[in-house]
Amino acid sequence: MKGKHRKTLEAIFSKPTKANIKFRDIEILIKALGGEVREGSGSRVALELSGTREYAHRPHPGKEAKKYIVEKKS
């Protein structure tokens, strides 16, 4: 696991939840761990890892994942 992936993983599981985690970094981490990111309609994406699938919406206009999305995943 690369250092950037490790930092993203630490940020996801930190308490209190950080508000500056880029959604793209979460997608890259999932792919690096052998998961899959599939495009849905609009900004919806399916994040699948180890047989677990979660759905989320890409943030816009910003790049940071909403806190409630990160908390749901962790």
PDB file of N, CA and C in Angstrom:
ATOM      1  N   MET A   1       0.849  -1.172   0.000  1.00  0.00           N
ATOM      2  CA  MET A   1       0.000   0.000   0.000  1.00  0.00           C
ATOM      3  C   MET A   1       0.896   1.237   0.000  1.00  0.00           C
ATOM      4  N   LYS A   2       0.615   2.145  -0.887  1.00  0.00           N
ATOM      5  CA  LYS A   2       1.389   3.370  -0.985  1.00  0.00           C
ATOM      6  C   LYS A   2       1.070   4.292   0.189  1.00  0.00           C
ATOM      7  N   GLY A   3       1.964   5.224   0.437  1.00  0.00           N
ATOM      8  CA  GLY A   3       1.793   6.165   1.532  1.00  0.00           C
ATOM      9  C   GLY A   3       0.525   6.996   1.414  1.00  0.00           C
ATOM     10  N   LYS A   4       0.194   7.406   0.207  1.00  0.00           N
ATOM     11  CA  LYS A   4      -1.029   8.205   0.001  1.00  0.00           C
ATOM     12  C   LYS A   4      -2.266   7.387   0.345  1.00  0.00           C
ATOM     13  N   HIS A   5      -2.263   6.108  -0.027  1.00  0.00           N
ATOM     14  CA  HIS A   5      -3.404   5.246   0.298  1.00  0.00           C
ATOM     15  C   HIS A   5      -3.534   5.086   1.809  1.00  0.00           C
ATOM     16  N   ARG A   6      -2.399   4.922   2.478  1.00  0.00           N
ATOM     17  CA  ARG A   6      -2.404   4.760   3.932  1.00  0.00           C
ATOM     18  C   ARG A   6      -2.951   6.017   4.613  1.00  0.00           C
ATOM     19  N   LYS A   7      -2.546   7.194   4.121  1.00  0.00           N
ATOM     20  CA  LYS A   7      -3.037   8.452   4.695  1.00  0.00           C
ATOM     21  C   LYS A   7      -4.537   8.604   4.486  1.00  0.00           C
ATOM     22  N   THR A   8      -5.032   8.209   3.319  1.00  0.00           N
ATOM     23  CA  THR A   8      -6.467   8.271   3.061  1.00  0.00           C
ATOM     24  C   THR A   8      -7.211   7.326   3.990  1.00  0.00           C
ATOM     25  N   LEU A   9      -6.699   6.135   4.166  1.00  0.00           N
ATOM     26  CA  LEU A   9      -7.322   5.157   5.053  1.00  0.00           C
ATOM     27  C   LEU A   9      -7.347   5.664   6.501  1.00  0.00           C
ATOM     28  N   GLU A  10      -6.247   6.250   6.948  1.00  0.00           N
ATOM     29  CA  GLU A  10      -6.199   6.818   8.299  1.00  0.00           C
ATOM     30  C   GLU A  10      -7.199   7.957   8.445  1.00  0.00           C
ATOM     31  N   ALA A  11      -7.332   8.782   7.413  1.00  0.00           N
ATOM     32  CA  ALA A  11      -8.284   9.902   7.465  1.00  0.00           C
ATOM     33  C   ALA A  11      -9.726   9.399   7.536  1.00  0.00           C
ATOM     34  N   ILE A  12     -10.016   8.321   6.832  1.00  0.00           N
ATOM     35  CA  ILE A  12     -11.378   7.772   6.833  1.00  0.00           C
ATOM     36  C   ILE A  12     -11.760   7.295   8.231  1.00  0.00           C
ATOM     37  N   PHE A  13     -10.833   6.666   8.935  1.00  0.00           N
ATOM     38  CA  PHE A  13     -11.140   6.088  10.237  1.00  0.00           C
ATOM     39  C   PHE A  13     -10.800   7.002  11.416  1.00  0.00           C
ATOM     40  N   SER A  14     -10.365   8.233  11.148  1.00  0.00           N
ATOM     41  CA  SER A  14     -10.047   9.144  12.242  1.00  0.00           C
ATOM     42  C   SER A  14     -11.330   9.679  12.881  1.00  0.00           C
ATOM     43  N   LYS A  15     -11.245   9.957  14.157  1.00  0.00           N
ATOM     44  CA  LYS A  15     -12.360  10.553  14.891  1.00  0.00           C
ATOM     45  C   LYS A  15     -11.862  11.826  15.533  1.00  0.00           C
ATOM     46  N   PRO A  16     -12.519  12.926  15.392  1.00  0.00           N
ATOM     47  CA  PRO A  16     -13.743  13.145  14.635  1.00  0.00           C
ATOM     48  C   PRO A  16     -13.480  13.063  13.134  1.00  0.00           C
ATOM     49  N   THR A  17     -14.526  12.830  12.387  1.00  0.00           N
ATOM     50  CA  THR A  17     -14.424  12.655  10.941  1.00  0.00           C
ATOM     51  C   THR A  17     -13.902  13.933  10.292  1.00  0.00           C
ATOM     52  N   LYS A  18     -12.904  13.764   9.445  1.00  0.00           N
ATOM     53  CA  LYS A  18     -12.324  14.906   8.744  1.00  0.00           C
ATOM     54  C   LYS A  18     -13.243  15.353   7.613  1.00  0.00           C
ATOM     55  N   ALA A  19     -13.220  16.654   7.350  1.00  0.00           N
ATOM     56  CA  ALA A  19     -14.081  17.215   6.309  1.00  0.00           C
ATOM     57  C   ALA A  19     -13.319  17.485   5.016  1.00  0.00           C
ATOM     58  N   ASN A  20     -12.041  17.125   4.960  1.00  0.00           N
ATOM     59  CA  ASN A  20     -11.241  17.474   3.780  1.00  0.00           C
ATOM     60  C   ASN A  20     -10.754  16.255   2.997  1.00  0.00           C
ATOM     61  N   ILE A  21     -11.435  15.126   3.094  1.00  0.00           N
ATOM     62  CA  ILE A  21     -11.034  13.929   2.358  1.00  0.00           C
ATOM     63  C   ILE A  21     -11.607  14.032   0.948  1.00  0.00           C
ATOM     64  N   LYS A  22     -10.735  13.987  -0.028  1.00  0.00           N
ATOM     65  CA  LYS A  22     -11.199  14.072  -1.420  1.00  0.00           C
ATOM     66  C   LYS A  22     -11.863  12.763  -1.828  1.00  0.00           C
ATOM     67  N   PHE A  23     -13.022  12.875  -2.456  1.00  0.00           N
ATOM     68  CA  PHE A  23     -13.766  11.697  -2.871  1.00  0.00           C
ATOM     69  C   PHE A  23     -12.947  10.871  -3.851  1.00  0.00           C
ATOM     70  N   ARG A  24     -12.196  11.533  -4.696  1.00  0.00           N
ATOM     71  CA  ARG A  24     -11.345  10.840  -5.674  1.00  0.00           C
ATOM     72  C   ARG A  24     -10.303   9.970  -4.975  1.00  0.00           C
ATOM     73  N   ASP A  25      -9.768  10.443  -3.838  1.00  0.00           N
ATOM     74  CA  ASP A  25      -8.792   9.650  -3.082  1.00  0.00           C
ATOM     75  C   ASP A  25      -9.430   8.379  -2.525  1.00  0.00           C
ATOM     76  N   ILE A  26     -10.701   8.469  -2.140  1.00  0.00           N
ATOM     77  CA  ILE A  26     -11.418   7.287  -1.658  1.00  0.00           C
ATOM     78  C   ILE A  26     -11.590   6.287  -2.796  1.00  0.00           C
ATOM     79  N   GLU A  27     -11.947   6.772  -3.979  1.00  0.00           N
ATOM     80  CA  GLU A  27     -12.092   5.891  -5.142  1.00  0.00           C
ATOM     81  C   GLU A  27     -10.766   5.200  -5.475  1.00  0.00           C
ATOM     82  N   ILE A  28      -9.683   5.951  -5.454  1.00  0.00           N
ATOM     83  CA  ILE A  28      -8.362   5.393  -5.763  1.00  0.00           C
ATOM     84  C   ILE A  28      -7.971   4.346  -4.729  1.00  0.00           C
ATOM     85  N   LEU A  29      -8.263   4.593  -3.457  1.00  0.00           N
ATOM     86  CA  LEU A  29      -7.967   3.636  -2.400  1.00  0.00           C
ATOM     87  C   LEU A  29      -8.725   2.336  -2.613  1.00  0.00           C
ATOM     88  N   ILE A  30      -9.993   2.426  -2.945  1.00  0.00           N
ATOM     89  CA  ILE A  30     -10.801   1.219  -3.173  1.00  0.00           C
ATOM     90  C   ILE A  30     -10.223   0.400  -4.322  1.00  0.00           C
ATOM     91  N   LYS A  31      -9.836   1.059  -5.394  1.00  0.00           N
ATOM     92  CA  LYS A  31      -9.241   0.347  -6.527  1.00  0.00           C
ATOM     93  C   LYS A  31      -7.907  -0.291  -6.132  1.00  0.00           C
ATOM     94  N   ALA A  32      -7.099   0.410  -5.322  1.00  0.00           N
ATOM     95  CA  ALA A  32      -5.809  -0.114  -4.893  1.00  0.00           C
ATOM     96  C   ALA A  32      -5.972  -1.341  -3.999  1.00  0.00           C
ATOM     97  N   LEU A  33      -7.080  -1.414  -3.270  1.00  0.00           N
ATOM     98  CA  LEU A  33      -7.341  -2.548  -2.398  1.00  0.00           C
ATOM     99  C   LEU A  33      -8.017  -3.706  -3.127  1.00  0.00           C
ATOM    100  N   GLY A  34      -8.180  -3.575  -4.445  1.00  0.00           N
ATOM    101  CA  GLY A  34      -8.760  -4.646  -5.241  1.00  0.00           C
ATOM    102  C   GLY A  34     -10.256  -4.517  -5.437  1.00  0.00           C
ATOM    103  N   GLY A  35     -10.812  -3.384  -5.042  1.00  0.00           N
ATOM    104  CA  GLY A  35     -12.245  -3.159  -5.200  1.00  0.00           C
ATOM    105  C   GLY A  35     -12.583  -2.597  -6.569  1.00  0.00           C
ATOM    106  N   GLU A  36     -13.821  -2.239  -6.712  1.00  0.00           N
ATOM    107  CA  GLU A  36     -14.305  -1.748  -7.997  1.00  0.00           C
ATOM    108  C   GLU A  36     -15.160  -0.503  -7.780  1.00  0.00           C
ATOM    109  N   VAL A  37     -14.995   0.455  -8.677  1.00  0.00           N
ATOM    110  CA  VAL A  37     -15.799   1.674  -8.670  1.00  0.00           C
ATOM    111  C   VAL A  37     -16.536   1.713 -10.003  1.00  0.00           C
ATOM    112  N   ARG A  38     -17.871   1.674  -9.929  1.00  0.00           N
ATOM    113  CA  ARG A  38     -18.667   1.672 -11.156  1.00  0.00           C
ATOM    114  C   ARG A  38     -19.517   2.926 -11.236  1.00  0.00           C
ATOM    115  N   GLU A  39     -19.581   3.452 -12.434  1.00  0.00           N
ATOM    116  CA  GLU A  39     -20.361   4.660 -12.685  1.00  0.00           C
ATOM    117  C   GLU A  39     -21.840   4.330 -12.740  1.00  0.00           C
ATOM    118  N   GLY A  40     -22.641   5.182 -12.153  1.00  0.00           N
ATOM    119  CA  GLY A  40     -24.083   5.062 -12.251  1.00  0.00           C
ATOM    120  C   GLY A  40     -24.612   6.218 -13.073  1.00  0.00           C
ATOM    121  N   SER A  41     -25.874   6.530 -12.898  1.00  0.00           N
ATOM    122  CA  SER A  41     -26.435   7.662 -13.626  1.00  0.00           C
ATOM    123  C   SER A  41     -26.138   8.952 -12.861  1.00  0.00           C
ATOM    124  N   GLY A  42     -25.857   9.995 -13.598  1.00  0.00           N
ATOM    125  CA  GLY A  42     -25.535  11.273 -12.976  1.00  0.00           C
ATOM    126  C   GLY A  42     -24.229  11.189 -12.212  1.00  0.00           C
ATOM    127  N   SER A  43     -24.260  11.621 -10.953  1.00  0.00           N
ATOM    128  CA  SER A  43     -23.047  11.603 -10.139  1.00  0.00           C
ATOM    129  C   SER A  43     -22.989  10.379  -9.228  1.00  0.00           C
ATOM    130  N   ARG A  44     -23.880   9.446  -9.422  1.00  0.00           N
ATOM    131  CA  ARG A  44     -23.937   8.262  -8.565  1.00  0.00           C
ATOM    132  C   ARG A  44     -22.852   7.260  -8.951  1.00  0.00           C
ATOM    133  N   VAL A  45     -22.202   6.685  -7.935  1.00  0.00           N
ATOM    134  CA  VAL A  45     -21.187   5.654  -8.147  1.00  0.00           C
ATOM    135  C   VAL A  45     -21.429   4.508  -7.177  1.00  0.00           C
ATOM    136  N   ALA A  46     -21.074   3.309  -7.611  1.00  0.00           N
ATOM    137  CA  ALA A  46     -21.135   2.129  -6.755  1.00  0.00           C
ATOM    138  C   ALA A  46     -19.707   1.809  -6.343  1.00  0.00           C
ATOM    139  N   LEU A  47     -19.491   1.703  -5.040  1.00  0.00           N
ATOM    140  CA  LEU A  47     -18.179   1.382  -4.489  1.00  0.00           C
ATOM    141  C   LEU A  47     -18.267  -0.029  -3.932  1.00  0.00           C
ATOM    142  N   GLU A  48     -17.481  -0.944  -4.502  1.00  0.00           N
ATOM    143  CA  GLU A  48     -17.555  -2.346  -4.086  1.00  0.00           C
ATOM    144  C   GLU A  48     -16.185  -2.837  -3.641  1.00  0.00           C
ATOM    145  N   LEU A  49     -16.160  -3.461  -2.444  1.00  0.00           N
ATOM    146  CA  LEU A  49     -14.926  -3.983  -1.882  1.00  0.00           C
ATOM    147  C   LEU A  49     -15.261  -5.193  -1.029  1.00  0.00           C
ATOM    148  N   SER A  50     -14.614  -6.300  -1.301  1.00  0.00           N
ATOM    149  CA  SER A  50     -14.801  -7.540  -0.536  1.00  0.00           C
ATOM    150  C   SER A  50     -16.261  -7.976  -0.475  1.00  0.00           C
ATOM    151  N   GLY A  51     -16.958  -7.861  -1.585  1.00  0.00           N
ATOM    152  CA  GLY A  51     -18.338  -8.314  -1.651  1.00  0.00           C
ATOM    153  C   GLY A  51     -19.353  -7.351  -1.059  1.00  0.00           C
ATOM    154  N   THR A  52     -18.903  -6.228  -0.530  1.00  0.00           N
ATOM    155  CA  THR A  52     -19.805  -5.218   0.020  1.00  0.00           C
ATOM    156  C   THR A  52     -19.921  -4.074  -0.968  1.00  0.00           C
ATOM    157  N   ARG A  53     -21.139  -3.675  -1.243  1.00  0.00           N
ATOM    158  CA  ARG A  53     -21.380  -2.595  -2.198  1.00  0.00           C
ATOM    159  C   ARG A  53     -22.106  -1.459  -1.498  1.00  0.00           C
ATOM    160  N   GLU A  54     -21.592  -0.253  -1.695  1.00  0.00           N
ATOM    161  CA  GLU A  54     -22.212   0.968  -1.177  1.00  0.00           C
ATOM    162  C   GLU A  54     -22.378   1.930  -2.339  1.00  0.00           C
ATOM    163  N   TYR A  55     -23.428   2.708  -2.262  1.00  0.00           N
ATOM    164  CA  TYR A  55     -23.680   3.708  -3.292  1.00  0.00           C
ATOM    165  C   TYR A  55     -23.465   5.096  -2.706  1.00  0.00           C
ATOM    166  N   ALA A  56     -22.904   5.972  -3.506  1.00  0.00           N
ATOM    167  CA  ALA A  56     -22.663   7.347  -3.075  1.00  0.00           C
ATOM    168  C   ALA A  56     -22.790   8.262  -4.284  1.00  0.00           C
ATOM    169  N   HIS A  57     -22.878   9.539  -4.011  1.00  0.00           N
ATOM    170  CA  HIS A  57     -22.902  10.545  -5.067  1.00  0.00           C
ATOM    171  C   HIS A  57     -21.611  11.339  -4.985  1.00  0.00           C
ATOM    172  N   ARG A  58     -20.994  11.531  -6.150  1.00  0.00           N
ATOM    173  CA  ARG A  58     -19.789  12.354  -6.186  1.00  0.00           C
ATOM    174  C   ARG A  58     -20.177  13.772  -5.786  1.00  0.00           C
ATOM    175  N   PRO A  59     -19.360  14.379  -4.947  1.00  0.00           N
ATOM    176  CA  PRO A  59     -19.677  15.753  -4.523  1.00  0.00           C
ATOM    177  C   PRO A  59     -19.476  16.739  -5.669  1.00  0.00           C
ATOM    178  N   HIS A  60     -20.326  17.732  -5.704  1.00  0.00           N
ATOM    179  CA  HIS A  60     -20.173  18.805  -6.668  1.00  0.00           C
ATOM    180  C   HIS A  60     -20.851  20.025  -6.104  1.00  0.00           C
ATOM    181  N   PRO A  61     -20.358  21.171  -6.231  1.00  0.00           N
ATOM    182  CA  PRO A  61     -19.216  21.538  -7.061  1.00  0.00           C
ATOM    183  C   PRO A  61     -17.873  21.269  -6.400  1.00  0.00           C
ATOM    184  N   GLY A  62     -17.815  20.961  -5.112  1.00  0.00           N
ATOM    185  CA  GLY A  62     -16.538  20.719  -4.428  1.00  0.00           C
ATOM    186  C   GLY A  62     -15.985  19.339  -4.728  1.00  0.00           C
ATOM    187  N   LYS A  63     -14.839  19.022  -4.139  1.00  0.00           N
ATOM    188  CA  LYS A  63     -14.182  17.735  -4.356  1.00  0.00           C
ATOM    189  C   LYS A  63     -14.181  16.873  -3.106  1.00  0.00           C
ATOM    190  N   GLU A  64     -14.460  17.479  -1.945  1.00  0.00           N
ATOM    191  CA  GLU A  64     -14.383  16.764  -0.685  1.00  0.00           C
ATOM    192  C   GLU A  64     -15.640  15.925  -0.451  1.00  0.00           C
ATOM    193  N   ALA A  65     -15.422  14.724   0.059  1.00  0.00           N
ATOM    194  CA  ALA A  65     -16.535  13.830   0.396  1.00  0.00           C
ATOM    195  C   ALA A  65     -17.256  14.406   1.607  1.00  0.00           C
ATOM    196  N   LYS A  66     -18.548  14.328   1.600  1.00  0.00           N
ATOM    197  CA  LYS A  66     -19.337  14.794   2.738  1.00  0.00           C
ATOM    198  C   LYS A  66     -19.047  13.905   3.941  1.00  0.00           C
ATOM    199  N   LYS A  67     -19.100  14.492   5.125  1.00  0.00           N
ATOM    200  CA  LYS A  67     -18.789  13.735   6.341  1.00  0.00           C
ATOM    201  C   LYS A  67     -19.707  12.523   6.506  1.00  0.00           C
ATOM    202  N   TYR A  68     -20.980  12.686   6.200  1.00  0.00           N
ATOM    203  CA  TYR A  68     -21.910  11.566   6.413  1.00  0.00           C
ATOM    204  C   TYR A  68     -21.604  10.387   5.481  1.00  0.00           C
ATOM    205  N   ILE A  69     -21.025  10.645   4.328  1.00  0.00           N
ATOM    206  CA  ILE A  69     -20.650   9.564   3.414  1.00  0.00           C
ATOM    207  C   ILE A  69     -19.455   8.796   3.993  1.00  0.00           C
ATOM    208  N   VAL A  70     -18.468   9.531   4.497  1.00  0.00           N
ATOM    209  CA  VAL A  70     -17.284   8.894   5.079  1.00  0.00           C
ATOM    210  C   VAL A  70     -17.675   8.104   6.313  1.00  0.00           C
ATOM    211  N   GLU A  71     -18.530   8.647   7.157  1.00  0.00           N
ATOM    212  CA  GLU A  71     -18.955   7.942   8.368  1.00  0.00           C
ATOM    213  C   GLU A  71     -19.758   6.693   8.040  1.00  0.00           C
ATOM    214  N   LYS A  72     -20.543   6.737   6.994  1.00  0.00           N
ATOM    215  CA  LYS A  72     -21.332   5.569   6.568  1.00  0.00           C
ATOM    216  C   LYS A  72     -20.407   4.446   6.142  1.00  0.00           C
ATOM    217  N   LYS A  73     -19.300   4.781   5.478  1.00  0.00           N
ATOM    218  CA  LYS A  73     -18.387   3.781   4.927  1.00  0.00           C
ATOM    219  C   LYS A  73     -17.448   3.210   5.970  1.00  0.00           C
ATOM    220  N   SER A  74     -17.167   3.948   7.035  1.00  0.00           N
ATOM    221  CA  SER A  74     -16.165   3.485   7.987  1.00  0.00           C
ATOM    222  C   SER A  74     -16.720   2.689   9.119  1.00  0.00           C
TER     223      SER A  74
END
